[in-house]
Amino acid sequence: MRATRSGGPYSYEEFLDALTDKHHPEHRETKQWAGAFEPEVFSAQQANAAVGAMFVWAKERHNRK
């Protein structure tokens, strides 16, 4: 399941099924795309850091124009 086909929050359950079910037809592709993603682990600190990094990147990119 590619990112462009993940369907956002409405298809998250399907994404998790493909990620965790070794017999799912898209398991291998989803596992490859998701990498080390662990759906049961969430860190607000890591999420905030990732969003902050994206903001800095976007601001720097905008300033280069």
Protein backbone atom coordinates (compact mmCIF):
# COMPACT_ATOMS: atom_id res chain seq x y z
CA MET A 1 0.00 0.00 0.00
CA ARG A 2 1.73 3.14 -1.16
CA ALA A 3 1.40 6.46 0.65
CA THR A 4 -0.65 7.84 -2.22
CA ARG A 5 -3.11 4.98 -1.76
CA SER A 6 -3.30 5.01 2.03
CA GLY A 7 -6.54 7.02 1.99
CA GLY A 8 -5.71 9.11 5.03
CA PRO A 9 -7.36 8.47 8.38
CA TYR A 10 -10.28 6.60 6.83
CA SER A 11 -8.08 3.77 5.57
CA TYR A 12 -5.75 3.55 8.56
CA GLU A 13 -7.35 0.29 9.71
CA GLU A 14 -6.72 -1.26 6.28
CA PHE A 15 -3.12 -0.03 6.45
CA LEU A 16 -2.68 -1.66 9.86
CA ASP A 17 -4.20 -4.92 8.58
CA ALA A 18 -1.78 -5.00 5.66
CA LEU A 19 1.12 -4.13 7.94
CA THR A 20 0.45 -6.77 10.59
CA ASP A 21 -1.12 -9.67 8.63
CA LYS A 22 1.63 -11.66 6.91
CA HIS A 23 -0.99 -13.26 4.63
CA HIS A 24 -2.44 -9.92 3.45
CA PRO A 25 -1.80 -9.47 -0.31
CA GLU A 26 -0.15 -6.07 0.30
CA HIS A 27 1.79 -7.01 3.45
CA ARG A 28 5.23 -7.07 1.86
CA GLU A 29 4.81 -3.76 0.03
CA THR A 30 3.25 -2.08 3.08
CA LYS A 31 5.97 -3.35 5.41
CA GLN A 32 8.62 -2.07 3.01
CA TRP A 33 6.95 1.34 2.73
CA ALA A 34 6.27 1.71 6.48
CA GLY A 35 9.78 0.71 7.53
CA ALA A 36 10.17 0.56 11.30
CA PHE A 37 6.72 2.04 11.98
CA GLU A 38 5.26 0.75 15.25
CA PRO A 39 1.55 1.68 15.48
CA GLU A 40 1.34 0.82 19.18
CA VAL A 41 4.09 3.28 20.09
CA PHE A 42 3.38 7.01 20.16
CA SER A 43 5.54 9.75 21.59
CA ALA A 44 4.17 13.29 21.67
CA GLN A 45 7.74 14.54 22.01
CA GLN A 46 8.85 12.73 18.84
CA ALA A 47 5.74 13.85 16.96
CA ASN A 48 6.31 17.47 17.97
CA ALA A 49 9.97 17.25 16.95
CA ALA A 50 9.01 15.85 13.54
CA VAL A 51 6.41 18.57 12.95
CA GLY A 52 8.90 21.21 14.07
CA ALA A 53 11.53 19.87 11.68
CA MET A 54 9.04 19.97 8.80
CA PHE A 55 8.15 23.55 9.70
CA VAL A 56 11.81 24.61 9.71
CA TRP A 57 12.39 22.85 6.37
CA ALA A 58 9.34 24.51 4.80
CA LYS A 59 10.33 27.94 6.11
CA GLU A 60 13.90 27.58 4.80
CA ARG A 61 12.63 26.38 1.45
CA HIS A 62 10.22 29.31 1.21
CA ASN A 63 13.00 31.79 2.08
CA ARG A 64 15.21 30.43 -0.74
CA LYS A 65 12.70 31.54 -3.37
